[in-house]
Amino acid sequence: MTQLTSGLEQAIDAICALGCDVVRAYILALGNGEIRPEYAALDTAQRASLLAELQDIMVVYENREP
């Protein structure tokens, strides 16, 4: 797992608080190189880490049994 900086951790928390559908949209946006307010302050490497972290988080949610 990547060592999370304070800014990266804050972005993850802000995005995840918006819910799974929004997290999926942000994963797509990050994959497309789009900049959104929740992660605009992050550099390219941090945005790549953010994308990986969000993908890992969603794997957990998508693999949970209802």
Protein backbone atom coordinates (compact mmCIF):
# COMPACT_ATOMS: atom_id res chain seq x y z
CA MET A 1 0.00 0.00 0.00
CA THR A 2 1.19 3.50 -0.79
CA GLN A 3 2.23 5.79 2.05
CA LEU A 4 -0.49 8.40 2.15
CA THR A 5 0.31 12.08 2.51
CA SER A 6 -2.07 14.33 4.39
CA GLY A 7 -3.38 15.87 1.14
CA LEU A 8 -3.90 12.47 -0.44
CA GLU A 9 -5.68 11.17 2.64
CA GLN A 10 -7.95 14.23 2.70
CA ALA A 11 -8.84 13.76 -0.97
CA ILE A 12 -9.69 10.09 -0.40
CA ASP A 13 -11.88 10.96 2.58
CA ALA A 14 -13.66 13.76 0.71
CA ILE A 15 -14.35 11.63 -2.35
CA CYS A 16 -15.42 8.51 -0.42
CA ALA A 17 -17.84 10.57 1.67
CA LEU A 18 -19.77 11.28 -1.55
CA GLY A 19 -20.77 7.63 -2.03
CA CYS A 20 -19.93 4.72 -4.33
CA ASP A 21 -21.48 6.16 -7.51
CA VAL A 22 -19.45 9.34 -7.16
CA VAL A 23 -16.29 7.38 -6.36
CA ARG A 24 -16.76 5.43 -9.59
CA ALA A 25 -17.16 8.72 -11.49
CA TYR A 26 -13.97 10.05 -9.93
CA ILE A 27 -12.11 6.87 -10.85
CA LEU A 28 -13.16 7.44 -14.47
CA ALA A 29 -12.22 11.13 -14.26
CA LEU A 30 -8.79 10.34 -12.82
CA GLY A 31 -8.26 7.68 -15.47
CA ASN A 32 -9.08 10.28 -18.13
CA GLY A 33 -6.73 12.87 -16.63
CA GLU A 34 -9.53 15.20 -15.52
CA ILE A 35 -8.90 17.56 -12.61
CA ARG A 36 -11.61 17.95 -9.98
CA PRO A 37 -11.63 20.24 -6.90
CA GLU A 38 -11.18 17.39 -4.42
CA TYR A 39 -7.79 16.49 -5.86
CA ALA A 40 -6.70 19.58 -7.81
CA ALA A 41 -3.91 20.31 -5.30
CA LEU A 42 -2.32 16.88 -5.82
CA ASP A 43 0.57 16.40 -8.22
CA THR A 44 0.57 13.79 -11.00
CA ALA A 45 2.12 11.05 -8.84
CA GLN A 46 -0.33 11.74 -6.02
CA ARG A 47 -3.27 11.61 -8.45
CA ALA A 48 -2.02 8.23 -9.68
CA SER A 49 -1.85 7.06 -6.06
CA LEU A 50 -5.34 8.44 -5.45
CA LEU A 51 -6.66 6.50 -8.43
CA ALA A 52 -5.05 3.27 -7.19
CA GLU A 53 -6.38 3.79 -3.66
CA LEU A 54 -9.93 4.50 -4.87
CA GLN A 55 -9.83 1.42 -7.10
CA ASP A 56 -8.66 -0.69 -4.15
CA ILE A 57 -11.42 0.71 -1.95
CA MET A 58 -14.09 -0.01 -4.56
CA VAL A 59 -12.90 -3.61 -4.96
CA VAL A 60 -13.70 -4.12 -1.28
CA TYR A 61 -17.20 -2.64 -1.65
CA GLU A 62 -17.97 -4.46 -4.87
CA ASN A 63 -16.90 -7.83 -3.45
CA ARG A 64 -19.00 -7.57 -0.30
CA GLU A 65 -21.99 -9.82 -0.09
CA PRO A 66 -25.36 -8.03 0.17
